[in-house]
Full PDB file with SEQRES, HELIX, SHEET, SSBOND, CRYST1, ORIGX, SCALE, CONECT and MASTER records, all heavy atoms in Angstrom:
SEQRES   1 A   35  PRO ASP PRO LEU LEU HIS ALA CYS LYS LEU ALA THR LEU          
SEQRES   2 A   35  ASP PRO SER ARG CYS ILE TYR VAL GLY ASP ASP ILE ARG          
SEQRES   3 A   35  ASP ILE LYS ALA GLY LYS ALA ALA GLY                          
HELIX    1 AA1 ASP A    2  ALA A   11  1                                  10    
HELIX    2 AA2 PRO A   15  ARG A   17  5                                   3    
HELIX    3 AA3 ILE A   25  ALA A   33  1                                   9    
CRYST1    1.000    1.000    1.000  90.00  90.00  90.00 P 1           1          
ORIGX1      1.000000  0.000000  0.000000        0.00000                         
ORIGX2      0.000000  1.000000  0.000000        0.00000                         
ORIGX3      0.000000  0.000000  1.000000        0.00000                         
SCALE1      1.000000  0.000000  0.000000        0.00000                         
SCALE2      0.000000  1.000000  0.000000        0.00000                         
SCALE3      0.000000  0.000000  1.000000        0.00000                         
ATOM      1  N   PRO A   1      80.804  92.937 112.243  1.00  0.00           N  
ATOM      2  CA  PRO A   1      81.197  93.683 111.046  1.00  0.00           C  
ATOM      3  C   PRO A   1      80.124  94.635 110.534  1.00  0.00           C  
ATOM      4  O   PRO A   1      80.392  95.423 109.621  1.00  0.00           O  
ATOM      5  CB  PRO A   1      81.455  92.572 110.025  1.00  0.00           C  
ATOM      6  CG  PRO A   1      80.513  91.482 110.434  1.00  0.00           C  
ATOM      7  CD  PRO A   1      80.501  91.518 111.941  1.00  0.00           C  
ATOM      8  N   ASP A   2      78.940  94.590 111.122  1.00  0.00           N  
ATOM      9  CA  ASP A   2      77.794  95.343 110.605  1.00  0.00           C  
ATOM     10  C   ASP A   2      78.078  96.827 110.342  1.00  0.00           C  
ATOM     11  O   ASP A   2      77.694  97.337 109.274  1.00  0.00           O  
ATOM     12  CB  ASP A   2      76.598  95.213 111.551  1.00  0.00           C  
ATOM     13  CG  ASP A   2      76.225  93.767 111.844  1.00  0.00           C  
ATOM     14  OD1 ASP A   2      77.133  92.904 111.857  1.00  0.00           O  
ATOM     15  OD2 ASP A   2      75.048  93.488 112.093  1.00  0.00           O  
ATOM     16  N   PRO A   3      78.711  97.561 111.277  1.00  0.00           N  
ATOM     17  CA  PRO A   3      78.948  98.993 111.006  1.00  0.00           C  
ATOM     18  C   PRO A   3      79.856  99.220 109.804  1.00  0.00           C  
ATOM     19  O   PRO A   3      79.642 100.170 109.033  1.00  0.00           O  
ATOM     20  CB  PRO A   3      79.597  99.491 112.297  1.00  0.00           C  
ATOM     21  CG  PRO A   3      79.235  98.494 113.344  1.00  0.00           C  
ATOM     22  CD  PRO A   3      79.168  97.186 112.623  1.00  0.00           C  
ATOM     23  N   LEU A   4      80.864  98.368 109.637  1.00  0.00           N  
ATOM     24  CA  LEU A   4      81.776  98.521 108.514  1.00  0.00           C  
ATOM     25  C   LEU A   4      81.089  98.183 107.195  1.00  0.00           C  
ATOM     26  O   LEU A   4      81.290  98.869 106.187  1.00  0.00           O  
ATOM     27  CB  LEU A   4      82.994  97.623 108.721  1.00  0.00           C  
ATOM     28  CG  LEU A   4      83.935  98.082 109.841  1.00  0.00           C  
ATOM     29  CD1 LEU A   4      84.905  96.974 110.202  1.00  0.00           C  
ATOM     30  CD2 LEU A   4      84.678  99.333 109.437  1.00  0.00           C  
ATOM     31  N   LEU A   5      80.278  97.158 107.213  1.00  0.00           N  
ATOM     32  CA  LEU A   5      79.543  96.802 105.996  1.00  0.00           C  
ATOM     33  C   LEU A   5      78.515  97.879 105.654  1.00  0.00           C  
ATOM     34  O   LEU A   5      78.274  98.169 104.474  1.00  0.00           O  
ATOM     35  CB  LEU A   5      78.866  95.445 106.186  1.00  0.00           C  
ATOM     36  CG  LEU A   5      79.825  94.258 106.356  1.00  0.00           C  
ATOM     37  CD1 LEU A   5      79.052  92.981 106.650  1.00  0.00           C  
ATOM     38  CD2 LEU A   5      80.699  94.081 105.119  1.00  0.00           C  
ATOM     39  N   HIS A   6      77.934  98.491 106.691  1.00  0.00           N  
ATOM     40  CA  HIS A   6      76.997  99.593 106.462  1.00  0.00           C  
ATOM     41  C   HIS A   6      77.719 100.784 105.831  1.00  0.00           C  
ATOM     42  O   HIS A   6      77.187 101.420 104.907  1.00  0.00           O  
ATOM     43  CB  HIS A   6      76.357 100.009 107.785  1.00  0.00           C  
ATOM     44  CG  HIS A   6      75.361 101.112 107.658  1.00  0.00           C  
ATOM     45  ND1 HIS A   6      74.133 100.943 107.052  1.00  0.00           N  
ATOM     46  CD2 HIS A   6      75.403 102.422 108.048  1.00  0.00           C  
ATOM     47  CE1 HIS A   6      73.463 102.077 107.081  1.00  0.00           C  
ATOM     48  NE2 HIS A   6      74.218 102.998 107.674  1.00  0.00           N  
ATOM     49  N   ALA A   7      78.921 101.080 106.310  1.00  0.00           N  
ATOM     50  CA  ALA A   7      79.705 102.172 105.735  1.00  0.00           C  
ATOM     51  C   ALA A   7      79.995 101.906 104.258  1.00  0.00           C  
ATOM     52  O   ALA A   7      79.900 102.804 103.420  1.00  0.00           O  
ATOM     53  CB  ALA A   7      81.015 102.341 106.507  1.00  0.00           C  
ATOM     54  N   CYS A   8      80.329 100.664 103.935  1.00  0.00           N  
ATOM     55  CA  CYS A   8      80.603 100.310 102.545  1.00  0.00           C  
ATOM     56  C   CYS A   8      79.354 100.452 101.682  1.00  0.00           C  
ATOM     57  O   CYS A   8      79.428 100.899 100.533  1.00  0.00           O  
ATOM     58  CB  CYS A   8      81.139  98.883 102.463  1.00  0.00           C  
ATOM     59  SG  CYS A   8      82.812  98.699 103.115  1.00  0.00           S  
ATOM     60  N   LYS A   9      78.216 100.094 102.241  1.00  0.00           N  
ATOM     61  CA  LYS A   9      76.966 100.230 101.492  1.00  0.00           C  
ATOM     62  C   LYS A   9      76.655 101.697 101.232  1.00  0.00           C  
ATOM     63  O   LYS A   9      76.247 102.071 100.122  1.00  0.00           O  
ATOM     64  CB  LYS A   9      75.831  99.578 102.277  1.00  0.00           C  
ATOM     65  CG  LYS A   9      74.495  99.591 101.545  1.00  0.00           C  
ATOM     66  CD  LYS A   9      73.424  98.863 102.354  1.00  0.00           C  
ATOM     67  CE  LYS A   9      72.088  98.876 101.607  1.00  0.00           C  
ATOM     68  NZ  LYS A   9      71.025  98.167 102.380  1.00  0.00           N  
ATOM     69  N   LEU A  10      76.869 102.545 102.255  1.00  0.00           N  
ATOM     70  CA  LEU A  10      76.605 103.978 102.109  1.00  0.00           C  
ATOM     71  C   LEU A  10      77.466 104.596 101.012  1.00  0.00           C  
ATOM     72  O   LEU A  10      77.001 105.441 100.245  1.00  0.00           O  
ATOM     73  CB  LEU A  10      76.869 104.703 103.428  1.00  0.00           C  
ATOM     74  CG  LEU A  10      75.880 104.500 104.580  1.00  0.00           C  
ATOM     75  CD1 LEU A  10      76.384 105.202 105.827  1.00  0.00           C  
ATOM     76  CD2 LEU A  10      74.495 105.034 104.199  1.00  0.00           C  
ATOM     77  N   ALA A  11      78.731 104.190 100.972  1.00  0.00           N  
ATOM     78  CA  ALA A  11      79.693 104.814 100.058  1.00  0.00           C  
ATOM     79  C   ALA A  11      79.947 103.985  98.807  1.00  0.00           C  
ATOM     80  O   ALA A  11      80.820 104.342  98.003  1.00  0.00           O  
ATOM     81  CB  ALA A  11      81.009 105.054 100.796  1.00  0.00           C  
ATOM     82  N   THR A  12      79.202 102.903  98.624  1.00  0.00           N  
ATOM     83  CA  THR A  12      79.357 102.007  97.468  1.00  0.00           C  
ATOM     84  C   THR A  12      80.805 101.538  97.345  1.00  0.00           C  
ATOM     85  O   THR A  12      81.481 101.748  96.332  1.00  0.00           O  
ATOM     86  CB  THR A  12      78.916 102.706  96.166  1.00  0.00           C  
ATOM     87  OG1 THR A  12      77.707 103.442  96.393  1.00  0.00           O  
ATOM     88  CG2 THR A  12      78.645 101.683  95.082  1.00  0.00           C  
ATOM     89  N   LEU A  13      81.272 100.897  98.412  1.00  0.00           N  
ATOM     90  CA  LEU A  13      82.640 100.410  98.472  1.00  0.00           C  
ATOM     91  C   LEU A  13      82.651  98.884  98.491  1.00  0.00           C  
ATOM     92  O   LEU A  13      81.740  98.247  99.016  1.00  0.00           O  
ATOM     93  CB  LEU A  13      83.340 100.922  99.733  1.00  0.00           C  
ATOM     94  CG  LEU A  13      83.471 102.431  99.911  1.00  0.00           C  
ATOM     95  CD1 LEU A  13      83.972 102.746 101.316  1.00  0.00           C  
ATOM     96  CD2 LEU A  13      84.415 103.014  98.862  1.00  0.00           C  
ATOM     97  N   ASP A  14      83.708  98.313  97.950  1.00  0.00           N  
ATOM     98  CA  ASP A  14      83.953  96.884  98.048  1.00  0.00           C  
ATOM     99  C   ASP A  14      84.763  96.658  99.324  1.00  0.00           C  
ATOM    100  O   ASP A  14      85.902  97.131  99.421  1.00  0.00           O  
ATOM    101  CB  ASP A  14      84.741  96.417  96.819  1.00  0.00           C  
ATOM    102  CG  ASP A  14      85.080  94.935  96.877  1.00  0.00           C  
ATOM    103  OD1 ASP A  14      84.848  94.286  97.918  1.00  0.00           O  
ATOM    104  OD2 ASP A  14      85.623  94.436  95.875  1.00  0.00           O  
ATOM    105  N   PRO A  15      84.222  95.956 100.330  1.00  0.00           N  
ATOM    106  CA  PRO A  15      84.959  95.762 101.587  1.00  0.00           C  
ATOM    107  C   PRO A  15      86.355  95.178 101.392  1.00  0.00           C  
ATOM    108  O   PRO A  15      87.283  95.541 102.121  1.00  0.00           O  
ATOM    109  CB  PRO A  15      84.065  94.802 102.384  1.00  0.00           C  
ATOM    110  CG  PRO A  15      82.694  95.045 101.855  1.00  0.00           C  
ATOM    111  CD  PRO A  15      82.883  95.337 100.391  1.00  0.00           C  
ATOM    112  N   SER A  16      86.512  94.304 100.402  1.00  0.00           N  
ATOM    113  CA  SER A  16      87.816  93.678 100.184  1.00  0.00           C  
ATOM    114  C   SER A  16      88.855  94.669  99.677  1.00  0.00           C  
ATOM    115  O   SER A  16      90.054  94.372  99.689  1.00  0.00           O  
ATOM    116  CB  SER A  16      87.687  92.515  99.195  1.00  0.00           C  
ATOM    117  OG  SER A  16      87.379  92.984  97.899  1.00  0.00           O  
ATOM    118  N   ARG A  17      88.404  95.828  99.261  1.00  0.00           N  
ATOM    119  CA  ARG A  17      89.322  96.872  98.799  1.00  0.00           C  
ATOM    120  C   ARG A  17      89.390  98.044  99.778  1.00  0.00           C  
ATOM    121  O   ARG A  17      89.729  99.162  99.406  1.00  0.00           O  
ATOM    122  CB  ARG A  17      88.913  97.357  97.403  1.00  0.00           C  
ATOM    123  CG  ARG A  17      89.066  96.286  96.326  1.00  0.00           C  
ATOM    124  CD  ARG A  17      88.712  96.811  94.954  1.00  0.00           C  
ATOM    125  NE  ARG A  17      89.530  97.961  94.563  1.00  0.00           N  
ATOM    126  CZ  ARG A  17      90.757  97.900  94.077  1.00  0.00           C  
ATOM    127  NH1 ARG A  17      91.330  96.724  93.916  1.00  0.00           N  
ATOM    128  NH2 ARG A  17      91.413  98.981  93.734  1.00  0.00           N  
ATOM    129  N   CYS A  18      89.059  97.746 101.031  1.00  0.00           N  
ATOM    130  CA  CYS A  18      89.109  98.769 102.084  1.00  0.00           C  
ATOM    131  C   CYS A  18      90.084  98.354 103.186  1.00  0.00           C  
ATOM    132  O   CYS A  18      90.349  97.169 103.395  1.00  0.00           O  
ATOM    133  CB  CYS A  18      87.730  98.982 102.701  1.00  0.00           C  
ATOM    134  SG  CYS A  18      86.508  99.649 101.560  1.00  0.00           S  
ATOM    135  N   ILE A  19      90.582  99.343 103.884  1.00  0.00           N  
ATOM    136  CA  ILE A  19      91.453  99.141 105.041  1.00  0.00           C  
ATOM    137  C   ILE A  19      90.749  99.729 106.255  1.00  0.00           C  
ATOM    138  O   ILE A  19      90.204 100.837 106.177  1.00  0.00           O  
ATOM    139  CB  ILE A  19      92.818  99.834 104.845  1.00  0.00           C  
ATOM    140  CG1 ILE A  19      93.571  99.222 103.660  1.00  0.00           C  
ATOM    141  CG2 ILE A  19      93.662  99.745 106.112  1.00  0.00           C  
ATOM    142  CD1 ILE A  19      94.807 100.015 103.266  1.00  0.00           C  
ATOM    143  N   TYR A  20      90.740  98.986 107.357  1.00  0.00           N  
ATOM    144  CA  TYR A  20      90.176  99.523 108.595  1.00  0.00           C  
ATOM    145  C   TYR A  20      91.285  99.654 109.627  1.00  0.00           C  
ATOM    146  O   TYR A  20      92.073  98.729 109.840  1.00  0.00           O  
ATOM    147  CB  TYR A  20      89.060  98.636 109.145  1.00  0.00           C  
ATOM    148  CG  TYR A  20      88.340  99.283 110.310  1.00  0.00           C  
ATOM    149  CD1 TYR A  20      87.835 100.574 110.206  1.00  0.00           C  
ATOM    150  CD2 TYR A  20      88.173  98.626 111.516  1.00  0.00           C  
ATOM    151  CE1 TYR A  20      87.188 101.189 111.260  1.00  0.00           C  
ATOM    152  CE2 TYR A  20      87.508  99.219 112.580  1.00  0.00           C  
ATOM    153  CZ  TYR A  20      87.025 100.499 112.448  1.00  0.00           C  
ATOM    154  OH  TYR A  20      86.386 101.111 113.503  1.00  0.00           O  
ATOM    155  N   VAL A  21      91.314 100.819 110.280  1.00  0.00           N  
ATOM    156  CA  VAL A  21      92.363 101.138 111.250  1.00  0.00           C  
ATOM    157  C   VAL A  21      91.717 101.339 112.618  1.00  0.00           C  
ATOM    158  O   VAL A  21      90.764 102.118 112.751  1.00  0.00           O  
ATOM    159  CB  VAL A  21      93.125 102.424 110.846  1.00  0.00           C  
ATOM    160  CG1 VAL A  21      94.360 102.592 111.736  1.00  0.00           C  
ATOM    161  CG2 VAL A  21      93.501 102.393 109.376  1.00  0.00           C  
ATOM    162  N   GLY A  22      92.226 100.640 113.627  1.00  0.00           N  
ATOM    163  CA  GLY A  22      91.660 100.785 114.966  1.00  0.00           C  
ATOM    164  C   GLY A  22      92.673 100.491 116.052  1.00  0.00           C  
ATOM    165  O   GLY A  22      93.724  99.896 115.799  1.00  0.00           O  
ATOM    166  N   ASP A  23      92.340 100.917 117.270  1.00  0.00           N  
ATOM    167  CA  ASP A  23      93.267 100.766 118.396  1.00  0.00           C  
ATOM    168  C   ASP A  23      92.772  99.770 119.435  1.00  0.00           C  
ATOM    169  O   ASP A  23      93.258  99.760 120.564  1.00  0.00           O  
ATOM    170  CB  ASP A  23      93.512 102.122 119.069  1.00  0.00           C  
ATOM    171  CG  ASP A  23      92.287 102.643 119.792  1.00  0.00           C  
ATOM    172  OD1 ASP A  23      91.167 102.520 119.249  1.00  0.00           O  
ATOM    173  OD2 ASP A  23      92.434 103.168 120.916  1.00  0.00           O  
ATOM    174  N   ASP A  24      91.794  98.934 119.071  1.00  0.00           N  
ATOM    175  CA  ASP A  24      91.258  97.935 119.986  1.00  0.00           C  
ATOM    176  C   ASP A  24      91.057  96.632 119.234  1.00  0.00           C  
ATOM    177  O   ASP A  24      90.800  96.647 118.025  1.00  0.00           O  
ATOM    178  CB  ASP A  24      89.927  98.416 120.580  1.00  0.00           C  
ATOM    179  CG  ASP A  24      89.465  97.562 121.739  1.00  0.00           C  
ATOM    180  OD1 ASP A  24      88.850  96.503 121.496  1.00  0.00           O  
ATOM    181  OD2 ASP A  24      89.720  97.932 122.903  1.00  0.00           O  
ATOM    182  N   ILE A  25      91.146  95.522 119.941  1.00  0.00           N  
ATOM    183  CA  ILE A  25      91.010  94.224 119.291  1.00  0.00           C  
ATOM    184  C   ILE A  25      89.654  94.074 118.604  1.00  0.00           C  
ATOM    185  O   ILE A  25      89.535  93.422 117.570  1.00  0.00           O  
ATOM    186  CB  ILE A  25      91.253  93.075 120.295  1.00  0.00           C  
ATOM    187  CG1 ILE A  25      91.330  91.734 119.559  1.00  0.00           C  
ATOM    188  CG2 ILE A  25      90.198  93.071 121.390  1.00  0.00           C  
ATOM    189  CD1 ILE A  25      91.776  90.591 120.441  1.00  0.00           C  
ATOM    190  N   ARG A  26      88.622  94.707 119.146  1.00  0.00           N  
ATOM    191  CA  ARG A  26      87.299  94.589 118.501  1.00  0.00           C  
ATOM    192  C   ARG A  26      87.299  95.258 117.126  1.00  0.00           C  
ATOM    193  O   ARG A  26      86.546  94.847 116.236  1.00  0.00           O  
ATOM    194  CB  ARG A  26      86.202  95.185 119.382  1.00  0.00           C  
ATOM    195  CG  ARG A  26      86.269  96.671 119.583  1.00  0.00           C  
ATOM    196  CD  ARG A  26      85.048  97.206 120.305  1.00  0.00           C  
ATOM    197  NE  ARG A  26      85.320  98.554 120.763  1.00  0.00           N  
ATOM    198  CZ  ARG A  26      85.780  98.840 121.985  1.00  0.00           C  
ATOM    199  NH1 ARG A  26      85.976  97.873 122.855  1.00  0.00           N  
ATOM    200  NH2 ARG A  26      86.034 100.080 122.331  1.00  0.00           N  
ATOM    201  N   ASP A  27      88.153  96.280 116.937  1.00  0.00           N  
ATOM    202  CA  ASP A  27      88.264  96.905 115.622  1.00  0.00           C  
ATOM    203  C   ASP A  27      88.831  95.922 114.610  1.00  0.00           C  
ATOM    204  O   ASP A  27      88.351  95.833 113.468  1.00  0.00           O  
ATOM    205  CB  ASP A  27      89.171  98.137 115.699  1.00  0.00           C  
ATOM    206  CG  ASP A  27      88.641  99.200 116.634  1.00  0.00           C  
ATOM    207  OD1 ASP A  27      87.418  99.402 116.665  1.00  0.00           O  
ATOM    208  OD2 ASP A  27      89.449  99.810 117.354  1.00  0.00           O  
ATOM    209  N   ILE A  28      89.844  95.215 115.022  1.00  0.00           N  
ATOM    210  CA  ILE A  28      90.484  94.260 114.127  1.00  0.00           C  
ATOM    211  C   ILE A  28      89.548  93.091 113.834  1.00  0.00           C  
ATOM    212  O   ILE A  28      89.437  92.631 112.688  1.00  0.00           O  
ATOM    213  CB  ILE A  28      91.807  93.747 114.746  1.00  0.00           C  
ATOM    214  CG1 ILE A  28      92.717  94.941 115.094  1.00  0.00           C  
ATOM    215  CG2 ILE A  28      92.502  92.797 113.785  1.00  0.00           C  
ATOM    216  CD1 ILE A  28      92.964  95.915 113.954  1.00  0.00           C  
ATOM    217  N   LYS A  29      88.843  92.611 114.848  1.00  0.00           N  
ATOM    218  CA  LYS A  29      87.874  91.532 114.633  1.00  0.00           C  
ATOM    219  C   LYS A  29      86.784  91.962 113.659  1.00  0.00           C  
ATOM    220  O   LYS A  29      86.408  91.204 112.758  1.00  0.00           O  
ATOM    221  CB  LYS A  29      87.248  91.123 115.970  1.00  0.00           C  
ATOM    222  CG  LYS A  29      88.175  90.342 116.884  1.00  0.00           C  
ATOM    223  CD  LYS A  29      87.458  89.943 118.171  1.00  0.00           C  
ATOM    224  CE  LYS A  29      88.337  89.077 119.049  1.00  0.00           C  
ATOM    225  NZ  LYS A  29      87.665  88.689 120.317  1.00  0.00           N  
ATOM    226  N   ALA A  30      86.275  93.179 113.837  1.00  0.00           N  
ATOM    227  CA  ALA A  30      85.223  93.681 112.954  1.00  0.00           C  
ATOM    228  C   ALA A  30      85.736  93.827 111.527  1.00  0.00           C  
ATOM    229  O   ALA A  30      85.057  93.450 110.560  1.00  0.00           O  
ATOM    230  CB  ALA A  30      84.695  95.013 113.469  1.00  0.00           C  
ATOM    231  N   GLY A  31      86.918  94.390 111.378  1.00  0.00           N  
ATOM    232  CA  GLY A  31      87.485  94.578 110.051  1.00  0.00           C  
ATOM    233  C   GLY A  31      87.716  93.269 109.325  1.00  0.00           C  
ATOM    234  O   GLY A  31      87.396  93.130 108.139  1.00  0.00           O  
ATOM    235  N   LYS A  32      88.275  92.293 110.035  1.00  0.00           N  
ATOM    236  CA  LYS A  32      88.527  90.998 109.414  1.00  0.00           C  
ATOM    237  C   LYS A  32      87.220  90.309 109.053  1.00  0.00           C  
ATOM    238  O   LYS A  32      87.099  89.684 107.987  1.00  0.00           O  
ATOM    239  CB  LYS A  32      89.367  90.136 110.353  1.00  0.00           C  
ATOM    240  CG  LYS A  32      90.801  90.638 110.544  1.00  0.00           C  
ATOM    241  CD  LYS A  32      91.533  89.857 111.599  1.00  0.00           C  
ATOM    242  CE  LYS A  32      91.926  88.487 111.100  1.00  0.00           C  
ATOM    243  NZ  LYS A  32      92.968  88.571 110.045  1.00  0.00           N  
ATOM    244  N   ALA A  33      86.221  90.416 109.943  1.00  0.00           N  
ATOM    245  CA  ALA A  33      84.922  89.789 109.659  1.00  0.00           C  
ATOM    246  C   ALA A  33      84.238  90.429 108.463  1.00  0.00           C  
ATOM    247  O   ALA A  33      83.451  89.778 107.764  1.00  0.00           O  
ATOM    248  CB  ALA A  33      84.018  89.880 110.887  1.00  0.00           C  
ATOM    249  N   ALA A  34      84.538  91.708 108.223  1.00  0.00           N  
ATOM    250  CA  ALA A  34      83.967  92.407 107.061  1.00  0.00           C  
ATOM    251  C   ALA A  34      84.748  92.136 105.779  1.00  0.00           C  
ATOM    252  O   ALA A  34      84.348  92.583 104.708  1.00  0.00           O  
ATOM    253  CB  ALA A  34      83.927  93.911 107.331  1.00  0.00           C  
ATOM    254  N   GLY A  35      85.876  91.435 105.900  1.00  0.00           N  
ATOM    255  CA  GLY A  35      86.676  91.127 104.726  1.00  0.00           C  
ATOM    256  C   GLY A  35      87.653  92.220 104.347  1.00  0.00           C  
ATOM    257  O   GLY A  35      88.124  92.272 103.209  1.00  0.00           O  
TER     258      GLY A  35                                                      
MASTER        0    0    0    3    0    0    0    6  257    1    0    3          
END                                                                             
């Protein structure tokens, strides 16, 4: 989840209020792990 959490830190976002969209299972795993 590190890249997604880094993006949230850069943009001052709450991960639980974000949606991640991807076309590979690793995208979904990363998004879920980031909350």
